[in-house]
Amino acid sequence: MISRFITANERVFWGGLLVIFGSTFFGGFLYTAVISKLVSNSDNAIISAIQNDRYYCFLVPLTLPVLVVAVYFYWLSMKMFKHA
């Protein structure tokens, strides 16, 4: 098995790439969920479809209760694992 050490420059590169990737998707989601509803209607078919869509407006608020339950079950399973 070939083991290779990751240099500091590679870590900075991959870290920066992941931050840029995440920021791009967050910006796209923010535009889709919030900003597109606040700007005037567009003649572009894709932007008009995004503005008229209601799915992503409700996606995050409806996902939060599921996230709370998942985090609780994760915490509960870690407590059971530690004390078993």
PDB file of N, CA and C in Angstrom:
ATOM      1  N   MET A   1       0.849  -1.176   0.000  1.00  0.00           N
ATOM      2  CA  MET A   1       0.000   0.000   0.000  1.00  0.00           C
ATOM      3  C   MET A   1       0.892   1.236   0.000  1.00  0.00           C
ATOM      4  N   ILE A   2       0.610   2.130  -0.898  1.00  0.00           N
ATOM      5  CA  ILE A   2       1.392   3.355  -0.996  1.00  0.00           C
ATOM      6  C   ILE A   2       0.751   4.410  -0.106  1.00  0.00           C
ATOM      7  N   SER A   3       1.513   4.902   0.839  1.00  0.00           N
ATOM      8  CA  SER A   3       0.990   5.978   1.683  1.00  0.00           C
ATOM      9  C   SER A   3       1.647   7.276   1.243  1.00  0.00           C
ATOM     10  N   ARG A   4       0.867   8.300   1.228  1.00  0.00           N
ATOM     11  CA  ARG A   4       1.357   9.588   0.772  1.00  0.00           C
ATOM     12  C   ARG A   4       0.899  10.636   1.764  1.00  0.00           C
ATOM     13  N   PHE A   5       1.787  11.506   2.122  1.00  0.00           N
ATOM     14  CA  PHE A   5       1.430  12.577   3.036  1.00  0.00           C
ATOM     15  C   PHE A   5       0.873  13.750   2.251  1.00  0.00           C
ATOM     16  N   ILE A   6      -0.158  14.346   2.788  1.00  0.00           N
ATOM     17  CA  ILE A   6      -0.762  15.512   2.149  1.00  0.00           C
ATOM     18  C   ILE A   6      -0.022  16.748   2.639  1.00  0.00           C
ATOM     19  N   THR A   7       0.475  17.521   1.700  1.00  0.00           N
ATOM     20  CA  THR A   7       1.226  18.711   2.075  1.00  0.00           C
ATOM     21  C   THR A   7       0.269  19.830   2.488  1.00  0.00           C
ATOM     22  N   ALA A   8       0.827  20.834   3.087  1.00  0.00           N
ATOM     23  CA  ALA A   8       0.022  21.975   3.547  1.00  0.00           C
ATOM     24  C   ALA A   8      -0.600  22.707   2.362  1.00  0.00           C
ATOM     25  N   ASN A   9       0.112  22.781   1.253  1.00  0.00           N
ATOM     26  CA  ASN A   9      -0.429  23.461   0.075  1.00  0.00           C
ATOM     27  C   ASN A   9      -1.651  22.723  -0.479  1.00  0.00           C
ATOM     28  N   GLU A  10      -1.617  21.394  -0.450  1.00  0.00           N
ATOM     29  CA  GLU A  10      -2.765  20.624  -0.926  1.00  0.00           C
ATOM     30  C   GLU A  10      -3.966  20.808  -0.009  1.00  0.00           C
ATOM     31  N   ARG A  11      -3.718  20.885   1.286  1.00  0.00           N
ATOM     32  CA  ARG A  11      -4.810  21.117   2.225  1.00  0.00           C
ATOM     33  C   ARG A  11      -5.446  22.469   1.999  1.00  0.00           C
ATOM     34  N   VAL A  12      -4.638  23.472   1.782  1.00  0.00           N
ATOM     35  CA  VAL A  12      -5.167  24.818   1.520  1.00  0.00           C
ATOM     36  C   VAL A  12      -5.965  24.814   0.225  1.00  0.00           C
ATOM     37  N   PHE A  13      -5.459  24.140  -0.794  1.00  0.00           N
ATOM     38  CA  PHE A  13      -6.164  24.082  -2.076  1.00  0.00           C
ATOM     39  C   PHE A  13      -7.519  23.407  -1.930  1.00  0.00           C
ATOM     40  N   TRP A  14      -7.539  22.206  -1.320  1.00  0.00           N
ATOM     41  CA  TRP A  14      -8.805  21.471  -1.198  1.00  0.00           C
ATOM     42  C   TRP A  14      -9.758  22.170  -0.244  1.00  0.00           C
ATOM     43  N   GLY A  15      -9.234  22.776   0.810  1.00  0.00           N
ATOM     44  CA  GLY A  15     -10.086  23.527   1.723  1.00  0.00           C
ATOM     45  C   GLY A  15     -10.718  24.721   1.041  1.00  0.00           C
ATOM     46  N   GLY A  16      -9.922  25.456   0.294  1.00  0.00           N
ATOM     47  CA  GLY A  16     -10.447  26.603  -0.449  1.00  0.00           C
ATOM     48  C   GLY A  16     -11.459  26.181  -1.503  1.00  0.00           C
ATOM     49  N   LEU A  17     -11.181  25.069  -2.176  1.00  0.00           N
ATOM     50  CA  LEU A  17     -12.111  24.568  -3.182  1.00  0.00           C
ATOM     51  C   LEU A  17     -13.453  24.183  -2.569  1.00  0.00           C
ATOM     52  N   LEU A  18     -13.410  23.519  -1.411  1.00  0.00           N
ATOM     53  CA  LEU A  18     -14.658  23.151  -0.737  1.00  0.00           C
ATOM     54  C   LEU A  18     -15.431  24.359  -0.237  1.00  0.00           C
ATOM     55  N   VAL A  19     -14.724  25.378   0.246  1.00  0.00           N
ATOM     56  CA  VAL A  19     -15.397  26.597   0.692  1.00  0.00           C
ATOM     57  C   VAL A  19     -16.040  27.312  -0.486  1.00  0.00           C
ATOM     58  N   ILE A  20     -15.365  27.401  -1.594  1.00  0.00           N
ATOM     59  CA  ILE A  20     -15.931  28.044  -2.789  1.00  0.00           C
ATOM     60  C   ILE A  20     -17.128  27.251  -3.294  1.00  0.00           C
ATOM     61  N   PHE A  21     -17.016  25.932  -3.334  1.00  0.00           N
ATOM     62  CA  PHE A  21     -18.107  25.069  -3.779  1.00  0.00           C
ATOM     63  C   PHE A  21     -19.336  25.240  -2.889  1.00  0.00           C
ATOM     64  N   GLY A  22     -19.135  25.201  -1.574  1.00  0.00           N
ATOM     65  CA  GLY A  22     -20.242  25.368  -0.636  1.00  0.00           C
ATOM     66  C   GLY A  22     -20.857  26.748  -0.705  1.00  0.00           C
ATOM     67  N   SER A  23     -20.033  27.770  -0.856  1.00  0.00           N
ATOM     68  CA  SER A  23     -20.544  29.141  -0.953  1.00  0.00           C
ATOM     69  C   SER A  23     -21.359  29.336  -2.231  1.00  0.00           C
ATOM     70  N   THR A  24     -20.918  28.723  -3.306  1.00  0.00           N
ATOM     71  CA  THR A  24     -21.660  28.834  -4.567  1.00  0.00           C
ATOM     72  C   THR A  24     -23.032  28.196  -4.446  1.00  0.00           C
ATOM     73  N   PHE A  25     -23.098  27.014  -3.884  1.00  0.00           N
ATOM     74  CA  PHE A  25     -24.389  26.356  -3.731  1.00  0.00           C
ATOM     75  C   PHE A  25     -25.280  27.072  -2.722  1.00  0.00           C
ATOM     76  N   PHE A  26     -24.688  27.623  -1.652  1.00  0.00           N
ATOM     77  CA  PHE A  26     -25.479  28.391  -0.702  1.00  0.00           C
ATOM     78  C   PHE A  26     -26.046  29.641  -1.357  1.00  0.00           C
ATOM     79  N   GLY A  27     -25.252  30.323  -2.155  1.00  0.00           N
ATOM     80  CA  GLY A  27     -25.737  31.510  -2.871  1.00  0.00           C
ATOM     81  C   GLY A  27     -26.848  31.164  -3.851  1.00  0.00           C
ATOM     82  N   GLY A  28     -26.692  30.047  -4.549  1.00  0.00           N
ATOM     83  CA  GLY A  28     -27.741  29.614  -5.478  1.00  0.00           C
ATOM     84  C   GLY A  28     -29.026  29.269  -4.765  1.00  0.00           C
ATOM     85  N   PHE A  29     -28.915  28.585  -3.628  1.00  0.00           N
ATOM     86  CA  PHE A  29     -30.103  28.258  -2.859  1.00  0.00           C
ATOM     87  C   PHE A  29     -30.748  29.510  -2.293  1.00  0.00           C
ATOM     88  N   LEU A  30     -29.941  30.440  -1.790  1.00  0.00           N
ATOM     89  CA  LEU A  30     -30.475  31.685  -1.242  1.00  0.00           C
ATOM     90  C   LEU A  30     -31.221  32.458  -2.319  1.00  0.00           C
ATOM     91  N   TYR A  31     -30.667  32.500  -3.530  1.00  0.00           N
ATOM     92  CA  TYR A  31     -31.363  33.179  -4.619  1.00  0.00           C
ATOM     93  C   TYR A  31     -32.675  32.464  -4.944  1.00  0.00           C
ATOM     94  N   THR A  32     -32.632  31.138  -5.009  1.00  0.00           N
ATOM     95  CA  THR A  32     -33.823  30.377  -5.360  1.00  0.00           C
ATOM     96  C   THR A  32     -34.910  30.503  -4.311  1.00  0.00           C
ATOM     97  N   ALA A  33     -34.540  30.457  -3.047  1.00  0.00           N
ATOM     98  CA  ALA A  33     -35.534  30.423  -1.977  1.00  0.00           C
ATOM     99  C   ALA A  33     -36.030  31.801  -1.568  1.00  0.00           C
ATOM    100  N   VAL A  34     -35.180  32.819  -1.623  1.00  0.00           N
ATOM    101  CA  VAL A  34     -35.565  34.111  -1.059  1.00  0.00           C
ATOM    102  C   VAL A  34     -35.526  35.246  -2.084  1.00  0.00           C
ATOM    103  N   ILE A  35     -34.377  35.458  -2.671  1.00  0.00           N
ATOM    104  CA  ILE A  35     -34.171  36.652  -3.488  1.00  0.00           C
ATOM    105  C   ILE A  35     -35.033  36.647  -4.741  1.00  0.00           C
ATOM    106  N   SER A  36     -35.227  35.494  -5.373  1.00  0.00           N
ATOM    107  CA  SER A  36     -36.016  35.458  -6.609  1.00  0.00           C
ATOM    108  C   SER A  36     -37.472  35.856  -6.375  1.00  0.00           C
ATOM    109  N   LYS A  37     -37.951  35.698  -5.148  1.00  0.00           N
ATOM    110  CA  LYS A  37     -39.338  36.077  -4.836  1.00  0.00           C
ATOM    111  C   LYS A  37     -39.471  37.586  -4.649  1.00  0.00           C
ATOM    112  N   LEU A  38     -38.361  38.268  -4.387  1.00  0.00           N
ATOM    113  CA  LEU A  38     -38.399  39.697  -4.095  1.00  0.00           C
ATOM    114  C   LEU A  38     -38.148  40.575  -5.317  1.00  0.00           C
ATOM    115  N   VAL A  39     -37.526  40.040  -6.353  1.00  0.00           N
ATOM    116  CA  VAL A  39     -37.227  40.839  -7.542  1.00  0.00           C
ATOM    117  C   VAL A  39     -38.402  40.770  -8.520  1.00  0.00           C
ATOM    118  N   SER A  40     -38.410  41.688  -9.484  1.00  0.00           N
ATOM    119  CA  SER A  40     -39.511  41.715 -10.449  1.00  0.00           C
ATOM    120  C   SER A  40     -39.439  40.523 -11.401  1.00  0.00           C
ATOM    121  N   ASN A  41     -40.541  40.252 -12.072  1.00  0.00           N
ATOM    122  CA  ASN A  41     -40.614  39.101 -12.980  1.00  0.00           C
ATOM    123  C   ASN A  41     -39.651  39.263 -14.141  1.00  0.00           C
ATOM    124  N   SER A  42     -39.142  38.124 -14.600  1.00  0.00           N
ATOM    125  CA  SER A  42     -38.148  38.116 -15.663  1.00  0.00           C
ATOM    126  C   SER A  42     -38.738  37.514 -16.933  1.00  0.00           C
ATOM    127  N   ASP A  43     -38.142  37.879 -18.064  1.00  0.00           N
ATOM    128  CA  ASP A  43     -38.556  37.306 -19.351  1.00  0.00           C
ATOM    129  C   ASP A  43     -37.831  35.987 -19.628  1.00  0.00           C
ATOM    130  N   ASN A  44     -36.780  35.706 -18.911  1.00  0.00           N
ATOM    131  CA  ASN A  44     -36.037  34.466 -19.073  1.00  0.00           C
ATOM    132  C   ASN A  44     -36.878  33.314 -18.523  1.00  0.00           C
ATOM    133  N   ALA A  45     -36.983  32.228 -19.273  1.00  0.00           N
ATOM    134  CA  ALA A  45     -37.845  31.110 -18.896  1.00  0.00           C
ATOM    135  C   ALA A  45     -37.355  30.405 -17.632  1.00  0.00           C
ATOM    136  N   ILE A  46     -36.052  30.239 -17.491  1.00  0.00           N
ATOM    137  CA  ILE A  46     -35.514  29.530 -16.332  1.00  0.00           C
ATOM    138  C   ILE A  46     -35.696  30.360 -15.067  1.00  0.00           C
ATOM    139  N   ILE A  47     -35.366  31.639 -15.130  1.00  0.00           N
ATOM    140  CA  ILE A  47     -35.519  32.505 -13.955  1.00  0.00           C
ATOM    141  C   ILE A  47     -36.992  32.667 -13.606  1.00  0.00           C
ATOM    142  N   SER A  48     -37.854  32.732 -14.593  1.00  0.00           N
ATOM    143  CA  SER A  48     -39.289  32.822 -14.340  1.00  0.00           C
ATOM    144  C   SER A  48     -39.809  31.559 -13.664  1.00  0.00           C
ATOM    145  N   ALA A  49     -39.312  30.407 -14.081  1.00  0.00           N
ATOM    146  CA  ALA A  49     -39.711  29.153 -13.437  1.00  0.00           C
ATOM    147  C   ALA A  49     -39.239  29.100 -11.991  1.00  0.00           C
ATOM    148  N   ILE A  50     -38.031  29.602 -11.726  1.00  0.00           N
ATOM    149  CA  ILE A  50     -37.527  29.653 -10.353  1.00  0.00           C
ATOM    150  C   ILE A  50     -38.376  30.592  -9.509  1.00  0.00           C
ATOM    151  N   GLN A  51     -38.772  31.728 -10.078  1.00  0.00           N
ATOM    152  CA  GLN A  51     -39.578  32.692  -9.330  1.00  0.00           C
ATOM    153  C   GLN A  51     -40.965  32.153  -9.001  1.00  0.00           C
ATOM    154  N   ASN A  52     -41.527  31.337  -9.868  1.00  0.00           N
ATOM    155  CA  ASN A  52     -42.876  30.813  -9.654  1.00  0.00           C
ATOM    156  C   ASN A  52     -42.895  29.512  -8.852  1.00  0.00           C
ATOM    157  N   ASP A  53     -41.731  28.949  -8.574  1.00  0.00           N
ATOM    158  CA  ASP A  53     -41.650  27.686  -7.844  1.00  0.00           C
ATOM    159  C   ASP A  53     -41.812  27.931  -6.351  1.00  0.00           C
ATOM    160  N   ARG A  54     -42.566  27.081  -5.683  1.00  0.00           N
ATOM    161  CA  ARG A  54     -42.767  27.212  -4.240  1.00  0.00           C
ATOM    162  C   ARG A  54     -42.129  26.078  -3.457  1.00  0.00           C
ATOM    163  N   TYR A  55     -41.478  25.148  -4.100  1.00  0.00           N
ATOM    164  CA  TYR A  55     -40.905  23.986  -3.423  1.00  0.00           C
ATOM    165  C   TYR A  55     -39.782  24.387  -2.472  1.00  0.00           C
ATOM    166  N   TYR A  56     -38.795  25.151  -2.972  1.00  0.00           N
ATOM    167  CA  TYR A  56     -37.629  25.472  -2.175  1.00  0.00           C
ATOM    168  C   TYR A  56     -37.920  26.466  -1.063  1.00  0.00           C
ATOM    169  N   CYS A  57     -39.000  27.221  -1.162  1.00  0.00           N
ATOM    170  CA  CYS A  57     -39.377  28.131  -0.076  1.00  0.00           C
ATOM    171  C   CYS A  57     -39.750  27.364   1.176  1.00  0.00           C
ATOM    172  N   PHE A  58     -40.322  26.184   1.006  1.00  0.00           N
ATOM    173  CA  PHE A  58     -40.787  25.389   2.136  1.00  0.00           C
ATOM    174  C   PHE A  58     -39.834  24.257   2.499  1.00  0.00           C
ATOM    175  N   LEU A  59     -38.813  24.032   1.691  1.00  0.00           N
ATOM    176  CA  LEU A  59     -37.917  22.899   1.917  1.00  0.00           C
ATOM    177  C   LEU A  59     -37.160  23.009   3.235  1.00  0.00           C
ATOM    178  N   VAL A  60     -36.497  24.130   3.465  1.00  0.00           N
ATOM    179  CA  VAL A  60     -35.684  24.277   4.673  1.00  0.00           C
ATOM    180  C   VAL A  60     -36.542  24.351   5.933  1.00  0.00           C
ATOM    181  N   PRO A  61     -37.613  25.159   5.982  1.00  0.00           N
ATOM    182  CA  PRO A  61     -38.410  25.174   7.214  1.00  0.00           C
ATOM    183  C   PRO A  61     -39.012  23.806   7.561  1.00  0.00           C
ATOM    184  N   LEU A  62     -39.362  23.026   6.567  1.00  0.00           N
ATOM    185  CA  LEU A  62     -39.931  21.712   6.843  1.00  0.00           C
ATOM    186  C   LEU A  62     -38.865  20.658   7.131  1.00  0.00           C
ATOM    187  N   THR A  63     -37.630  20.939   6.777  1.00  0.00           N
ATOM    188  CA  THR A  63     -36.542  20.014   7.051  1.00  0.00           C
ATOM    189  C   THR A  63     -36.008  20.180   8.472  1.00  0.00           C
ATOM    190  N   LEU A  64     -36.172  21.353   9.062  1.00  0.00           N
ATOM    191  CA  LEU A  64     -35.625  21.611  10.398  1.00  0.00           C
ATOM    192  C   LEU A  64     -36.171  20.667  11.478  1.00  0.00           C
ATOM    193  N   PRO A  65     -37.485  20.358  11.542  1.00  0.00           N
ATOM    194  CA  PRO A  65     -37.927  19.397  12.561  1.00  0.00           C
ATOM    195  C   PRO A  65     -37.314  18.007  12.389  1.00  0.00           C
ATOM    196  N   VAL A  66     -37.127  17.584  11.167  1.00  0.00           N
ATOM    197  CA  VAL A  66     -36.504  16.290  10.906  1.00  0.00           C
ATOM    198  C   VAL A  66     -35.044  16.315  11.353  1.00  0.00           C
ATOM    199  N   LEU A  67     -34.374  17.435  11.133  1.00  0.00           N
ATOM    200  CA  LEU A  67     -32.997  17.579  11.572  1.00  0.00           C
ATOM    201  C   LEU A  67     -32.897  17.513  13.093  1.00  0.00           C
ATOM    202  N   VAL A  68     -33.822  18.141  13.795  1.00  0.00           N
ATOM    203  CA  VAL A  68     -33.813  18.108  15.261  1.00  0.00           C
ATOM    204  C   VAL A  68     -33.981  16.672  15.758  1.00  0.00           C
ATOM    205  N   VAL A  69     -34.883  15.919  15.169  1.00  0.00           N
ATOM    206  CA  VAL A  69     -35.091  14.523  15.563  1.00  0.00           C
ATOM    207  C   VAL A  69     -33.847  13.690  15.257  1.00  0.00           C
ATOM    208  N   ALA A  70     -33.219  13.915  14.112  1.00  0.00           N
ATOM    209  CA  ALA A  70     -32.020  13.159  13.757  1.00  0.00           C
ATOM    210  C   ALA A  70     -30.881  13.465  14.718  1.00  0.00           C
ATOM    211  N   VAL A  71     -30.708  14.717  15.090  1.00  0.00           N
ATOM    212  CA  VAL A  71     -29.641  15.079  16.030  1.00  0.00           C
ATOM    213  C   VAL A  71     -29.926  14.468  17.404  1.00  0.00           C
ATOM    214  N   TYR A  72     -31.182  14.459  17.820  1.00  0.00           N
ATOM    215  CA  TYR A  72     -31.536  13.849  19.106  1.00  0.00           C
ATOM    216  C   TYR A  72     -31.211  12.352  19.096  1.00  0.00           C
ATOM    217  N   PHE A  73     -31.584  11.645  18.034  1.00  0.00           N
ATOM    218  CA  PHE A  73     -31.296  10.210  17.966  1.00  0.00           C
ATOM    219  C   PHE A  73     -29.795   9.939  17.911  1.00  0.00           C
ATOM    220  N   TYR A  74     -29.047  10.824  17.253  1.00  0.00           N
ATOM    221  CA  TYR A  74     -27.590  10.683  17.234  1.00  0.00           C
ATOM    222  C   TYR A  74     -27.043  10.831  18.650  1.00  0.00           C
ATOM    223  N   TRP A  75     -27.496  11.862  19.366  1.00  0.00           N
ATOM    224  CA  TRP A  75     -27.049  12.081  20.739  1.00  0.00           C
ATOM    225  C   TRP A  75     -27.421  10.885  21.624  1.00  0.00           C
ATOM    226  N   LEU A  76     -28.648  10.384  21.472  1.00  0.00           N
ATOM    227  CA  LEU A  76     -29.109   9.254  22.274  1.00  0.00           C
ATOM    228  C   LEU A  76     -28.282   8.009  21.993  1.00  0.00           C
ATOM    229  N   SER A  77     -27.974   7.749  20.739  1.00  0.00           N
ATOM    230  CA  SER A  77     -27.190   6.565  20.412  1.00  0.00           C
ATOM    231  C   SER A  77     -25.753   6.681  20.936  1.00  0.00           C
ATOM    232  N   MET A  78     -25.185   7.899  20.929  1.00  0.00           N
ATOM    233  CA  MET A  78     -23.844   8.069  21.478  1.00  0.00           C
ATOM    234  C   MET A  78     -23.853   7.868  22.995  1.00  0.00           C
ATOM    235  N   LYS A  79     -24.906   8.319  23.675  1.00  0.00           N
ATOM    236  CA  LYS A  79     -25.011   8.094  25.122  1.00  0.00           C
ATOM    237  C   LYS A  79     -25.113   6.595  25.421  1.00  0.00           C
ATOM    238  N   MET A  80     -25.918   5.889  24.649  1.00  0.00           N
ATOM    239  CA  MET A  80     -26.048   4.447  24.863  1.00  0.00           C
ATOM    240  C   MET A  80     -24.748   3.718  24.576  1.00  0.00           C
ATOM    241  N   PHE A  81     -24.030   4.140  23.560  1.00  0.00           N
ATOM    242  CA  PHE A  81     -22.765   3.513  23.224  1.00  0.00           C
ATOM    243  C   PHE A  81     -21.722   3.751  24.319  1.00  0.00           C
ATOM    244  N   LYS A  82     -21.657   4.967  24.858  1.00  0.00           N
ATOM    245  CA  LYS A  82     -20.680   5.281  25.889  1.00  0.00           C
ATOM    246  C   LYS A  82     -20.944   4.525  27.188  1.00  0.00           C
ATOM    247  N   HIS A  83     -22.203   4.354  27.530  1.00  0.00           N
ATOM    248  CA  HIS A  83     -22.546   3.756  28.826  1.00  0.00           C
ATOM    249  C   HIS A  83     -22.887   2.268  28.735  1.00  0.00           C
ATOM    250  N   ALA A  84     -22.660   1.671  27.602  1.00  0.00           N
ATOM    251  CA  ALA A  84     -22.976   0.247  27.455  1.00  0.00           C
ATOM    252  C   ALA A  84     -21.844  -0.617  27.965  1.00  0.00           C
TER     253      ALA A  84
END
